[in-house]
Amino acid sequence: MRFEAGYEVYFVADCSGGVTPEAHEEGKRRMIQAGAVPMTWMAVMAQLPPPTA
């Protein structure tokens, strides 16, 4: 897994889903338990560089 290779792993929590709300929450819990860091889509957008002219 990428964690073992030394990578920091992030996931977009509000853009991922499951078949049910419970499945969605369980999936997020499993990713967090594995060491992934949840982010919102707005936080991801804030990390993108601005367009250059």
PDB file of N, CA and C in Angstrom:
ATOM      1  N   MET A   1       0.835  -1.185   0.000  1.00  0.00           N
ATOM      2  CA  MET A   1       0.000   0.000   0.000  1.00  0.00           C
ATOM      3  C   MET A   1       0.881   1.251   0.000  1.00  0.00           C
ATOM      4  N   ARG A   2       0.330   2.348  -0.429  1.00  0.00           N
ATOM      5  CA  ARG A   2       1.099   3.584  -0.563  1.00  0.00           C
ATOM      6  C   ARG A   2       1.614   4.100   0.779  1.00  0.00           C
ATOM      7  N   PHE A   3       0.922   3.802   1.874  1.00  0.00           N
ATOM      8  CA  PHE A   3       1.378   4.263   3.184  1.00  0.00           C
ATOM      9  C   PHE A   3       2.745   3.673   3.498  1.00  0.00           C
ATOM     10  N   GLU A   4       2.903   2.400   3.181  1.00  0.00           N
ATOM     11  CA  GLU A   4       4.151   1.706   3.485  1.00  0.00           C
ATOM     12  C   GLU A   4       5.303   2.220   2.629  1.00  0.00           C
ATOM     13  N   ALA A   5       5.001   2.795   1.486  1.00  0.00           N
ATOM     14  CA  ALA A   5       6.029   3.332   0.608  1.00  0.00           C
ATOM     15  C   ALA A   5       6.432   4.750   1.007  1.00  0.00           C
ATOM     16  N   GLY A   6       5.805   5.309   2.038  1.00  0.00           N
ATOM     17  CA  GLY A   6       6.154   6.631   2.521  1.00  0.00           C
ATOM     18  C   GLY A   6       5.327   7.770   1.954  1.00  0.00           C
ATOM     19  N   TYR A   7       4.287   7.462   1.208  1.00  0.00           N
ATOM     20  CA  TYR A   7       3.420   8.500   0.657  1.00  0.00           C
ATOM     21  C   TYR A   7       2.400   8.961   1.685  1.00  0.00           C
ATOM     22  N   GLU A   8       2.027  10.229   1.627  1.00  0.00           N
ATOM     23  CA  GLU A   8       0.892  10.734   2.396  1.00  0.00           C
ATOM     24  C   GLU A   8      -0.342  10.540   1.518  1.00  0.00           C
ATOM     25  N   VAL A   9      -1.371   9.916   2.048  1.00  0.00           N
ATOM     26  CA  VAL A   9      -2.561   9.608   1.264  1.00  0.00           C
ATOM     27  C   VAL A   9      -3.727  10.455   1.754  1.00  0.00           C
ATOM     28  N   TYR A  10      -4.369  11.151   0.836  1.00  0.00           N
ATOM     29  CA  TYR A  10      -5.536  11.983   1.123  1.00  0.00           C
ATOM     30  C   TYR A  10      -6.708  11.460   0.307  1.00  0.00           C
ATOM     31  N   PHE A  11      -7.917  11.703   0.796  1.00  0.00           N
ATOM     32  CA  PHE A  11      -9.098  11.384   0.002  1.00  0.00           C
ATOM     33  C   PHE A  11     -10.123  12.491   0.158  1.00  0.00           C
ATOM     34  N   VAL A  12     -10.909  12.683  -0.902  1.00  0.00           N
ATOM     35  CA  VAL A  12     -11.922  13.743  -0.894  1.00  0.00           C
ATOM     36  C   VAL A  12     -13.193  13.151  -0.289  1.00  0.00           C
ATOM     37  N   ALA A  13     -13.404  13.446   0.986  1.00  0.00           N
ATOM     38  CA  ALA A  13     -14.467  12.800   1.757  1.00  0.00           C
ATOM     39  C   ALA A  13     -15.863  13.171   1.285  1.00  0.00           C
ATOM     40  N   ASP A  14     -16.049  14.396   0.827  1.00  0.00           N
ATOM     41  CA  ASP A  14     -17.398  14.793   0.439  1.00  0.00           C
ATOM     42  C   ASP A  14     -17.695  14.520  -1.030  1.00  0.00           C
ATOM     43  N   CYS A  15     -16.773  13.874  -1.728  1.00  0.00           N
ATOM     44  CA  CYS A  15     -17.008  13.499  -3.128  1.00  0.00           C
ATOM     45  C   CYS A  15     -16.961  11.988  -3.328  1.00  0.00           C
ATOM     46  N   SER A  16     -16.817  11.264  -2.255  1.00  0.00           N
ATOM     47  CA  SER A  16     -16.831   9.806  -2.361  1.00  0.00           C
ATOM     48  C   SER A  16     -18.166   9.334  -1.809  1.00  0.00           C
ATOM     49  N   GLY A  17     -18.603   8.192  -2.232  1.00  0.00           N
ATOM     50  CA  GLY A  17     -19.914   7.747  -1.790  1.00  0.00           C
ATOM     51  C   GLY A  17     -20.003   6.246  -1.670  1.00  0.00           C
ATOM     52  N   GLY A  18     -21.106   5.828  -1.139  1.00  0.00           N
ATOM     53  CA  GLY A  18     -21.407   4.421  -1.016  1.00  0.00           C
ATOM     54  C   GLY A  18     -22.834   4.181  -1.470  1.00  0.00           C
ATOM     55  N   VAL A  19     -23.225   2.940  -1.448  1.00  0.00           N
ATOM     56  CA  VAL A  19     -24.578   2.585  -1.863  1.00  0.00           C
ATOM     57  C   VAL A  19     -25.605   3.136  -0.871  1.00  0.00           C
ATOM     58  N   THR A  20     -25.214   3.191   0.400  1.00  0.00           N
ATOM     59  CA  THR A  20     -26.073   3.737   1.452  1.00  0.00           C
ATOM     60  C   THR A  20     -25.250   4.731   2.273  1.00  0.00           C
ATOM     61  N   PRO A  21     -25.901   5.585   3.046  1.00  0.00           N
ATOM     62  CA  PRO A  21     -25.132   6.481   3.923  1.00  0.00           C
ATOM     63  C   PRO A  21     -24.232   5.719   4.899  1.00  0.00           C
ATOM     64  N   GLU A  22     -24.701   4.575   5.362  1.00  0.00           N
ATOM     65  CA  GLU A  22     -23.901   3.767   6.283  1.00  0.00           C
ATOM     66  C   GLU A  22     -22.639   3.242   5.594  1.00  0.00           C
ATOM     67  N   ALA A  23     -22.781   2.797   4.347  1.00  0.00           N
ATOM     68  CA  ALA A  23     -21.629   2.305   3.593  1.00  0.00           C
ATOM     69  C   ALA A  23     -20.627   3.428   3.349  1.00  0.00           C
ATOM     70  N   HIS A  24     -21.129   4.619   3.081  1.00  0.00           N
ATOM     71  CA  HIS A  24     -20.266   5.785   2.880  1.00  0.00           C
ATOM     72  C   HIS A  24     -19.454   6.065   4.143  1.00  0.00           C
ATOM     73  N   GLU A  25     -20.118   6.126   5.273  1.00  0.00           N
ATOM     74  CA  GLU A  25     -19.435   6.398   6.547  1.00  0.00           C
ATOM     75  C   GLU A  25     -18.438   5.295   6.894  1.00  0.00           C
ATOM     76  N   GLU A  26     -18.811   4.046   6.675  1.00  0.00           N
ATOM     77  CA  GLU A  26     -17.913   2.934   6.972  1.00  0.00           C
ATOM     78  C   GLU A  26     -16.670   2.992   6.079  1.00  0.00           C
ATOM     79  N   GLY A  27     -16.857   3.315   4.814  1.00  0.00           N
ATOM     80  CA  GLY A  27     -15.726   3.455   3.910  1.00  0.00           C
ATOM     81  C   GLY A  27     -14.768   4.550   4.361  1.00  0.00           C
ATOM     82  N   LYS A  28     -15.311   5.692   4.779  1.00  0.00           N
ATOM     83  CA  LYS A  28     -14.468   6.775   5.287  1.00  0.00           C
ATOM     84  C   LYS A  28     -13.731   6.343   6.547  1.00  0.00           C
ATOM     85  N   ARG A  29     -14.430   5.651   7.436  1.00  0.00           N
ATOM     86  CA  ARG A  29     -13.794   5.165   8.670  1.00  0.00           C
ATOM     87  C   ARG A  29     -12.622   4.236   8.370  1.00  0.00           C
ATOM     88  N   ARG A  30     -12.816   3.335   7.405  1.00  0.00           N
ATOM     89  CA  ARG A  30     -11.746   2.393   7.060  1.00  0.00           C
ATOM     90  C   ARG A  30     -10.533   3.125   6.480  1.00  0.00           C
ATOM     91  N   MET A  31     -10.781   4.125   5.633  1.00  0.00           N
ATOM     92  CA  MET A  31      -9.657   4.876   5.064  1.00  0.00           C
ATOM     93  C   MET A  31      -8.905   5.659   6.137  1.00  0.00           C
ATOM     94  N   ILE A  32      -9.640   6.278   7.057  1.00  0.00           N
ATOM     95  CA  ILE A  32      -9.008   7.024   8.150  1.00  0.00           C
ATOM     96  C   ILE A  32      -8.229   6.077   9.046  1.00  0.00           C
ATOM     97  N   GLN A  33      -8.806   4.921   9.346  1.00  0.00           N
ATOM     98  CA  GLN A  33      -8.134   3.940  10.191  1.00  0.00           C
ATOM     99  C   GLN A  33      -6.831   3.462   9.537  1.00  0.00           C
ATOM    100  N   ALA A  34      -6.807   3.397   8.215  1.00  0.00           N
ATOM    101  CA  ALA A  34      -5.611   2.972   7.497  1.00  0.00           C
ATOM    102  C   ALA A  34      -4.567   4.082   7.417  1.00  0.00           C
ATOM    103  N   GLY A  35      -4.942   5.301   7.793  1.00  0.00           N
ATOM    104  CA  GLY A  35      -3.992   6.400   7.815  1.00  0.00           C
ATOM    105  C   GLY A  35      -4.224   7.485   6.783  1.00  0.00           C
ATOM    106  N   ALA A  36      -5.259   7.357   5.974  1.00  0.00           N
ATOM    107  CA  ALA A  36      -5.555   8.389   4.977  1.00  0.00           C
ATOM    108  C   ALA A  36      -6.134   9.620   5.661  1.00  0.00           C
ATOM    109  N   VAL A  37      -5.908  10.756   5.047  1.00  0.00           N
ATOM    110  CA  VAL A  37      -6.368  12.037   5.592  1.00  0.00           C
ATOM    111  C   VAL A  37      -7.554  12.533   4.773  1.00  0.00           C
ATOM    112  N   PRO A  38      -8.708  12.760   5.421  1.00  0.00           N
ATOM    113  CA  PRO A  38      -9.858  13.270   4.674  1.00  0.00           C
ATOM    114  C   PRO A  38      -9.711  14.754   4.376  1.00  0.00           C
ATOM    115  N   MET A  39     -10.177  15.148   3.193  1.00  0.00           N
ATOM    116  CA  MET A  39     -10.206  16.552   2.785  1.00  0.00           C
ATOM    117  C   MET A  39     -11.549  16.827   2.134  1.00  0.00           C
ATOM    118  N   THR A  40     -11.938  18.084   2.099  1.00  0.00           N
ATOM    119  CA  THR A  40     -13.140  18.470   1.364  1.00  0.00           C
ATOM    120  C   THR A  40     -12.733  18.864  -0.050  1.00  0.00           C
ATOM    121  N   TRP A  41     -13.709  18.943  -0.942  1.00  0.00           N
ATOM    122  CA  TRP A  41     -13.389  19.331  -2.316  1.00  0.00           C
ATOM    123  C   TRP A  41     -12.858  20.760  -2.354  1.00  0.00           C
ATOM    124  N   MET A  42     -13.320  21.601  -1.435  1.00  0.00           N
ATOM    125  CA  MET A  42     -12.841  22.988  -1.415  1.00  0.00           C
ATOM    126  C   MET A  42     -11.377  23.052  -0.990  1.00  0.00           C
ATOM    127  N   ALA A  43     -10.978  22.190  -0.055  1.00  0.00           N
ATOM    128  CA  ALA A  43      -9.575  22.148   0.363  1.00  0.00           C
ATOM    129  C   ALA A  43      -8.693  21.679  -0.796  1.00  0.00           C
ATOM    130  N   VAL A  44      -9.175  20.730  -1.575  1.00  0.00           N
ATOM    131  CA  VAL A  44      -8.427  20.264  -2.750  1.00  0.00           C
ATOM    132  C   VAL A  44      -8.273  21.407  -3.745  1.00  0.00           C
ATOM    133  N   MET A  45      -9.344  22.127  -4.012  1.00  0.00           N
ATOM    134  CA  MET A  45      -9.291  23.241  -4.964  1.00  0.00           C
ATOM    135  C   MET A  45      -8.326  24.327  -4.486  1.00  0.00           C
ATOM    136  N   ALA A  46      -8.267  24.543  -3.176  1.00  0.00           N
ATOM    137  CA  ALA A  46      -7.365  25.558  -2.636  1.00  0.00           C
ATOM    138  C   ALA A  46      -5.905  25.163  -2.819  1.00  0.00           C
ATOM    139  N   GLN A  47      -5.629  23.876  -2.966  1.00  0.00           N
ATOM    140  CA  GLN A  47      -4.263  23.404  -3.149  1.00  0.00           C
ATOM    141  C   GLN A  47      -3.785  23.510  -4.597  1.00  0.00           C
ATOM    142  N   LEU A  48      -4.702  23.694  -5.537  1.00  0.00           N
ATOM    143  CA  LEU A  48      -4.319  23.778  -6.938  1.00  0.00           C
ATOM    144  C   LEU A  48      -3.686  25.124  -7.232  1.00  0.00           C
ATOM    145  N   PRO A  49      -2.663  25.135  -8.076  1.00  0.00           N
ATOM    146  CA  PRO A  49      -2.021  26.422  -8.389  1.00  0.00           C
ATOM    147  C   PRO A  49      -2.937  27.278  -9.271  1.00  0.00           C
ATOM    148  N   PRO A  50      -2.796  28.590  -9.156  1.00  0.00           N
ATOM    149  CA  PRO A  50      -3.615  29.462 -10.007  1.00  0.00           C
ATOM    150  C   PRO A  50      -3.166  29.367 -11.463  1.00  0.00           C
ATOM    151  N   PRO A  51      -4.083  29.629 -12.383  1.00  0.00           N
ATOM    152  CA  PRO A  51      -3.673  29.613 -13.800  1.00  0.00           C
ATOM    153  C   PRO A  51      -2.710  30.766 -14.073  1.00  0.00           C
ATOM    154  N   THR A  52      -1.779  30.513 -14.953  1.00  0.00           N
ATOM    155  CA  THR A  52      -0.823  31.568 -15.314  1.00  0.00           C
ATOM    156  C   THR A  52      -1.170  32.125 -16.694  1.00  0.00           C
ATOM    157  N   ALA A  53      -0.922  33.388 -16.854  1.00  0.00           N
ATOM    158  CA  ALA A  53      -1.252  34.046 -18.135  1.00  0.00           C
ATOM    159  C   ALA A  53      -0.109  33.991 -19.092  1.00  0.00           C
TER     160      ALA A  53
END
